């Protein structure tokens, strides 16, 4: 059987195959936040942050907090708190090397998403960080993003996945605990799985902020 496999290495050929986008799909891209973008960010408790290092090696990491955790400083600037984590600082290190970032905002129950692209910096500013405090604890650092492009993304992906459909939610028992998963992946015998699970749960309980 003849193969029609193609690897596209030319954007003109790719565009010729896919076709041109609708005018509205192009025009919806905004250079700054409008009322609807601000509302979406204010309602969002969760985002995915895409970064890359100086060589272009990419990474995506989740960020979550109560709705409105991302602070809008003005029409072209947002502030994302950096909460306590595992201290790998993958995203922060990438931003220091390469400021270009992409962000996808989610609002539970809303199938559309908000995409934002811009240039980021890692900052330490006590006045700004104080405004990001939760439970009386301000983050030590924050990610400031200068907006270059922002637009609403259609609901097809979430409709296909039925992400917000409770009937599609899996039981936690369908996947091993994070402690057991990490020990399996690392093939480590230095830790007991129950002990790691207890450490993780204690971290969740006491070190979210």
Foldseek 3Di string as FASTA:
>chain_A
DDDPDDDDPDVVVVCVVVDDDDPCVVVQKDFWDDPVNVVLQQQFFKKKKWFAALVRHIDIDMDGDHRHLWADPDRFKIKHFDFDDPPPCPVQNRLVRFQWMKMWTDHQPDLKIKIWIFGKHKDADVVVQCVNDDPNDGGRIMIMTGTGIMGIGDRPVCVVVVVNDPVPDDDPVVDDDPLVVVCVVVVDPPDDSVVVNVVVVVCVVPGRD
